Structures are given as C-alpha cells and as structure tokens.
Amino acid sequence: MPHVPGLRSPYEKVGRIVYLGRMLDKIRLHAEGRLPADYHDNLGDSKPGMFDTRCCELLRVRYADIRRRTLEGGTDAAVLEWAEARGGRRTDGECAIWNGFMVKRGWHDHPDSVRRLRQRVEEAGLGARTIETFFDFIDFDEGRDPSATRPWESV
C-alpha cells in the first residue's frame, strides 16, 4: 500500500503504548474519507487477533467508544487519559509486555502468524526485504524503512 499522509508508524507511542496513535489516526482518516479502502476491513474490535481489537482489549474500552471520543477532538494524550479513566490505567509492566508483544508480533511466533506475515510480504512484493514482524511489514508497505531507523530501539 502507498504511504498514507497522516497515518503514523505502529512503532510510535502515545504515552507508554505503541500502536494506539496509529489506531487513532485510522479513526480520524476514516471519518474524513481519507483512509484507503484496503484498511477498512481491519477497523474496530470485532476481529479477534487484529491490532485494533488487541489495543481495545489492552485499554479495556470498546472501539466504538474510543472512536466517538477521538472524533470529539483533542490530543492523543487526552484520548488516552479518557480511555484510562474508563478502563483503568495500565501499569508500567503491562505497557512493557504490550509493547514487547506488539513490536515482535510475527517474529518467532506461532506458525499461523508467521505464515500470515510471509504471505502478506509476498503479496505486497516485499520479499526482497528483511521483514520479521508485522510492524516492519506495515512500515515497509507504507514506504518507511524500519531497518534504517530501527524504531524498536526506542520502544
């Protein structure tokens, strides 16, 4: 997929949590009609194992509620604060486990997950790249080069 202006890397954090900012970007872009159709199927918390679903599970807040609050406006930090007021604040340990799990998803993972990652890499024509995680795949697929910037080092 091409670079989507306004859609950040999943490696970027909001507060102490990776991926959340990307989910908030997708919510805003979708509401503005600027999120490519290829992204629509994975929006929300209805598909077990998908990153939006996992993020909502971490926050213990339904996607529809996060979507509504996000579209009311305000900063990402304010949306996170709102979510934590409803679902409870995660401990530093929970955030470390979440971040570690998410940035490594697909790397030495369950065979089905690894197979799905390899399939997506091939379908996207990125087979010549060294892609070991879904976050790497997302970044390469959208025109970013995580091997050059090594974003996992700042998580």
C-alpha atoms as a PDB file:
ATOM      1  CA  MET A   1       0.000   0.000   0.000  1.00  0.00           C
ATOM      2  CA  PRO A   2       1.188   3.507  -0.595  1.00  0.00           C
ATOM      3  CA  HIS A   3       2.149   5.991   2.064  1.00  0.00           C
ATOM      4  CA  VAL A   4      -0.993   7.404   3.680  1.00  0.00           C
ATOM      5  CA  PRO A   5      -0.489  11.014   4.798  1.00  0.00           C
ATOM      6  CA  GLY A   6      -1.425  11.349   8.447  1.00  0.00           C
ATOM      7  CA  LEU A   7      -1.048   7.642   9.259  1.00  0.00           C
ATOM      8  CA  ARG A   8       1.894   7.069  11.541  1.00  0.00           C
ATOM      9  CA  SER A   9       4.078   4.047  12.115  1.00  0.00           C
ATOM     10  CA  PRO A  10       2.771   1.453  14.568  1.00  0.00           C
ATOM     11  CA  TYR A  11       6.078   1.804  16.434  1.00  0.00           C
ATOM     12  CA  GLU A  12       5.205   5.336  17.545  1.00  0.00           C
ATOM     13  CA  LYS A  13       3.877   5.645  21.073  1.00  0.00           C
ATOM     14  CA  VAL A  14       1.091   7.606  22.656  1.00  0.00           C
ATOM     15  CA  GLY A  15       2.098   7.848  26.267  1.00  0.00           C
ATOM     16  CA  ARG A  16       3.653   4.487  27.047  1.00  0.00           C
ATOM     17  CA  ILE A  17       1.748   2.498  24.410  1.00  0.00           C
ATOM     18  CA  VAL A  18       2.774   1.584  20.858  1.00  0.00           C
ATOM     19  CA  TYR A  19       0.180   1.315  18.085  1.00  0.00           C
ATOM     20  CA  LEU A  20      -2.530   3.417  19.786  1.00  0.00           C
ATOM     21  CA  GLY A  21      -1.582   6.532  17.797  1.00  0.00           C
ATOM     22  CA  ARG A  22      -1.934   4.609  14.549  1.00  0.00           C
ATOM     23  CA  MET A  23      -5.403   3.419  15.560  1.00  0.00           C
ATOM     24  CA  LEU A  24      -6.423   6.989  16.394  1.00  0.00           C
ATOM     25  CA  ASP A  25      -5.038   8.155  13.031  1.00  0.00           C
ATOM     26  CA  LYS A  26      -7.091   5.498  11.237  1.00  0.00           C
ATOM     27  CA  ILE A  27     -10.224   6.620  13.094  1.00  0.00           C
ATOM     28  CA  ARG A  28      -9.700  10.249  12.079  1.00  0.00           C
ATOM     29  CA  LEU A  29      -8.716   9.466   8.487  1.00  0.00           C
ATOM     30  CA  HIS A  30     -11.688   7.127   8.042  1.00  0.00           C
ATOM     31  CA  ALA A  31     -14.099   9.771   9.351  1.00  0.00           C
ATOM     32  CA  GLU A  32     -12.598  12.275   6.872  1.00  0.00           C
ATOM     33  CA  GLY A  33     -12.900   9.815   3.980  1.00  0.00           C
ATOM     34  CA  ARG A  34      -9.101   9.738   3.570  1.00  0.00           C
ATOM     35  CA  LEU A  35      -8.370   6.177   4.753  1.00  0.00           C
ATOM     36  CA  PRO A  36      -7.838   3.868   1.763  1.00  0.00           C
ATOM     37  CA  ALA A  37     -10.425   1.100   1.406  1.00  0.00           C
ATOM     38  CA  ASP A  38      -7.744  -1.573   1.959  1.00  0.00           C
ATOM     39  CA  TYR A  39      -7.648  -0.527   5.630  1.00  0.00           C
ATOM     40  CA  HIS A  40     -11.398  -0.616   6.321  1.00  0.00           C
ATOM     41  CA  ASP A  41     -11.789  -4.353   6.990  1.00  0.00           C
ATOM     42  CA  ASN A  42      -9.479  -4.252   9.996  1.00  0.00           C
ATOM     43  CA  LEU A  43     -11.007  -1.242  11.727  1.00  0.00           C
ATOM     44  CA  GLY A  44     -12.611  -1.862  15.076  1.00  0.00           C
ATOM     45  CA  ASP A  45     -12.689  -4.540  17.702  1.00  0.00           C
ATOM     46  CA  SER A  46     -14.812  -7.208  16.006  1.00  0.00           C
ATOM     47  CA  LYS A  47     -11.957  -9.364  14.681  1.00  0.00           C
ATOM     48  CA  PRO A  48     -10.027 -11.323  17.316  1.00  0.00           C
ATOM     49  CA  GLY A  49      -6.268 -11.011  16.983  1.00  0.00           C
ATOM     50  CA  MET A  50      -6.292  -7.867  14.854  1.00  0.00           C
ATOM     51  CA  PHE A  51      -4.279  -4.961  16.203  1.00  0.00           C
ATOM     52  CA  ASP A  52      -7.251  -2.602  16.764  1.00  0.00           C
ATOM     53  CA  THR A  53      -9.002  -5.365  18.701  1.00  0.00           C
ATOM     54  CA  ARG A  54      -5.909  -6.068  20.786  1.00  0.00           C
ATOM     55  CA  CYS A  55      -5.441  -2.360  21.541  1.00  0.00           C
ATOM     56  CA  CYS A  56      -9.052  -2.037  22.717  1.00  0.00           C
ATOM     57  CA  GLU A  57      -8.565  -5.123  24.880  1.00  0.00           C
ATOM     58  CA  LEU A  58      -5.479  -3.575  26.455  1.00  0.00           C
ATOM     59  CA  LEU A  59      -7.345  -0.359  27.191  1.00  0.00           C
ATOM     60  CA  ARG A  60     -10.498  -2.250  28.235  1.00  0.00           C
ATOM     61  CA  VAL A  61     -12.613   0.168  26.214  1.00  0.00           C
ATOM     62  CA  ARG A  62     -14.777  -0.663  23.208  1.00  0.00           C
ATOM     63  CA  TYR A  63     -13.658   0.618  19.806  1.00  0.00           C
ATOM     64  CA  ALA A  64     -16.960   2.446  19.239  1.00  0.00           C
ATOM     65  CA  ASP A  65     -16.379   4.417  22.443  1.00  0.00           C
ATOM     66  CA  ILE A  66     -12.765   5.222  21.534  1.00  0.00           C
ATOM     67  CA  ARG A  67     -13.896   6.243  18.057  1.00  0.00           C
ATOM     68  CA  ARG A  68     -16.585   8.541  19.439  1.00  0.00           C
ATOM     69  CA  ARG A  69     -14.168  10.165  21.914  1.00  0.00           C
ATOM     70  CA  THR A  70     -11.446  10.558  19.273  1.00  0.00           C
ATOM     71  CA  LEU A  71     -13.817  12.299  16.877  1.00  0.00           C
ATOM     72  CA  GLU A  72     -14.894  14.722  19.610  1.00  0.00           C
ATOM     73  CA  GLY A  73     -11.414  16.214  19.220  1.00  0.00           C
ATOM     74  CA  GLY A  74      -8.409  16.767  21.393  1.00  0.00           C
ATOM     75  CA  THR A  75      -4.943  15.363  21.554  1.00  0.00           C
ATOM     76  CA  ASP A  76      -3.942  11.719  21.504  1.00  0.00           C
ATOM     77  CA  ALA A  77      -2.825  12.124  25.107  1.00  0.00           C
ATOM     78  CA  ALA A  78      -6.300  13.362  26.048  1.00  0.00           C
ATOM     79  CA  VAL A  79      -7.927  10.352  24.357  1.00  0.00           C
ATOM     80  CA  LEU A  80      -5.555   8.016  26.197  1.00  0.00           C
ATOM     81  CA  GLU A  81      -6.299   9.753  29.507  1.00  0.00           C
ATOM     82  CA  TRP A  82     -10.026   9.382  28.812  1.00  0.00           C
ATOM     83  CA  ALA A  83      -9.599   5.671  27.974  1.00  0.00           C
ATOM     84  CA  GLU A  84      -7.571   5.078  31.135  1.00  0.00           C
ATOM     85  CA  ALA A  85     -10.284   6.778  33.209  1.00  0.00           C
ATOM     86  CA  ARG A  86     -12.754   4.215  31.853  1.00  0.00           C
ATOM     87  CA  GLY A  87     -10.711   1.049  31.513  1.00  0.00           C
ATOM     88  CA  GLY A  88      -8.098   1.653  34.188  1.00  0.00           C
ATOM     89  CA  ARG A  89      -4.529   2.813  33.912  1.00  0.00           C
ATOM     90  CA  ARG A  90      -2.108   0.104  32.784  1.00  0.00           C
ATOM     91  CA  THR A  91       0.968  -0.478  34.920  1.00  0.00           C
ATOM     92  CA  ASP A  92       4.469   0.069  33.579  1.00  0.00           C
ATOM     93  CA  GLY A  93       4.815  -3.714  33.466  1.00  0.00           C
ATOM     94  CA  GLU A  94       1.622  -4.144  31.443  1.00  0.00           C
ATOM     95  CA  CYS A  95       2.796  -1.482  28.994  1.00  0.00           C
ATOM     96  CA  ALA A  96       6.204  -3.154  28.663  1.00  0.00           C
ATOM     97  CA  ILE A  97       4.554  -6.513  27.973  1.00  0.00           C
ATOM     98  CA  TRP A  98       2.160  -4.939  25.451  1.00  0.00           C
ATOM     99  CA  ASN A  99       4.916  -3.071  23.645  1.00  0.00           C
ATOM    100  CA  GLY A 100       7.191  -6.109  23.590  1.00  0.00           C
ATOM    101  CA  PHE A 101       4.423  -8.348  22.263  1.00  0.00           C
ATOM    102  CA  MET A 102       3.306  -5.904  19.597  1.00  0.00           C
ATOM    103  CA  VAL A 103       6.708  -4.939  18.195  1.00  0.00           C
ATOM    104  CA  LYS A 104       7.703  -8.609  17.934  1.00  0.00           C
ATOM    105  CA  ARG A 105       4.418  -9.962  16.531  1.00  0.00           C
ATOM    106  CA  GLY A 106       5.296 -12.361  13.715  1.00  0.00           C
ATOM    107  CA  TRP A 107       8.908 -12.912  14.820  1.00  0.00           C
ATOM    108  CA  HIS A 108       9.497 -16.462  16.076  1.00  0.00           C
ATOM    109  CA  ASP A 109       5.753 -16.577  16.575  1.00  0.00           C
ATOM    110  CA  HIS A 110       3.007 -19.158  16.242  1.00  0.00           C
ATOM    111  CA  PRO A 111       3.350 -20.871  12.826  1.00  0.00           C
ATOM    112  CA  ASP A 112      -0.002 -19.479  11.629  1.00  0.00           C
ATOM    113  CA  SER A 113       1.109 -15.946  12.435  1.00  0.00           C
ATOM    114  CA  VAL A 114       4.471 -16.399  10.711  1.00  0.00           C
ATOM    115  CA  ARG A 115       2.731 -17.900   7.665  1.00  0.00           C
ATOM    116  CA  ARG A 116       0.299 -14.971   7.513  1.00  0.00           C
ATOM    117  CA  LEU A 117       3.171 -12.467   7.744  1.00  0.00           C
ATOM    118  CA  ARG A 118       5.138 -14.227   4.960  1.00  0.00           C
ATOM    119  CA  GLN A 119       2.016 -14.337   2.788  1.00  0.00           C
ATOM    120  CA  ARG A 120       1.388 -10.611   3.224  1.00  0.00           C
ATOM    121  CA  VAL A 121       5.041  -9.814   2.473  1.00  0.00           C
ATOM    122  CA  GLU A 122       4.884 -11.805  -0.774  1.00  0.00           C
ATOM    123  CA  GLU A 123       1.514 -10.332  -1.802  1.00  0.00           C
ATOM    124  CA  ALA A 124       2.936  -6.840  -1.308  1.00  0.00           C
ATOM    125  CA  GLY A 125       6.005  -7.633  -3.399  1.00  0.00           C
ATOM    126  CA  LEU A 126       8.354  -7.013  -0.480  1.00  0.00           C
ATOM    127  CA  GLY A 127      10.031 -10.433  -0.491  1.00  0.00           C
ATOM    128  CA  ALA A 128      13.477  -8.949  -1.055  1.00  0.00           C
ATOM    129  CA  ARG A 129      13.276  -7.049   2.257  1.00  0.00           C
ATOM    130  CA  THR A 130      14.222  -8.426   5.640  1.00  0.00           C
ATOM    131  CA  ILE A 131      10.851  -8.305   7.360  1.00  0.00           C
ATOM    132  CA  GLU A 132      10.493 -10.209  10.602  1.00  0.00           C
ATOM    133  CA  THR A 133       7.492  -8.562  12.268  1.00  0.00           C
ATOM    134  CA  PHE A 134       4.096  -7.185  11.324  1.00  0.00           C
ATOM    135  CA  PHE A 135       5.213  -3.703  12.404  1.00  0.00           C
ATOM    136  CA  ASP A 136       8.157  -3.950   9.982  1.00  0.00           C
ATOM    137  CA  PHE A 137       5.799  -5.124   7.247  1.00  0.00           C
ATOM    138  CA  ILE A 138       3.435  -2.209   7.854  1.00  0.00           C
ATOM    139  CA  ASP A 139       6.286   0.295   7.748  1.00  0.00           C
ATOM    140  CA  PHE A 140       7.860  -1.122   4.573  1.00  0.00           C
ATOM    141  CA  ASP A 141       4.457  -1.478   2.924  1.00  0.00           C
ATOM    142  CA  GLU A 142       3.724   2.194   3.587  1.00  0.00           C
ATOM    143  CA  GLY A 143       7.094   3.417   2.366  1.00  0.00           C
ATOM    144  CA  ARG A 144       9.024   3.682   5.634  1.00  0.00           C
ATOM    145  CA  ASP A 145      12.262   1.758   6.191  1.00  0.00           C
ATOM    146  CA  PRO A 146      12.423   0.438   9.749  1.00  0.00           C
ATOM    147  CA  SER A 147      15.767  -1.244   9.098  1.00  0.00           C
ATOM    148  CA  ALA A 148      17.259   2.222   8.584  1.00  0.00           C
ATOM    149  CA  THR A 149      15.591   3.936  11.532  1.00  0.00           C
ATOM    150  CA  ARG A 150      15.445   0.943  13.943  1.00  0.00           C
ATOM    151  CA  PRO A 151      12.316   2.227  15.725  1.00  0.00           C
ATOM    152  CA  TRP A 152      12.114  -0.806  18.019  1.00  0.00           C
ATOM    153  CA  GLU A 153      15.156   0.523  19.874  1.00  0.00           C
ATOM    154  CA  SER A 154      13.120   3.413  21.263  1.00  0.00           C
ATOM    155  CA  VAL A 155      10.284   1.188  22.492  1.00  0.00           C
END
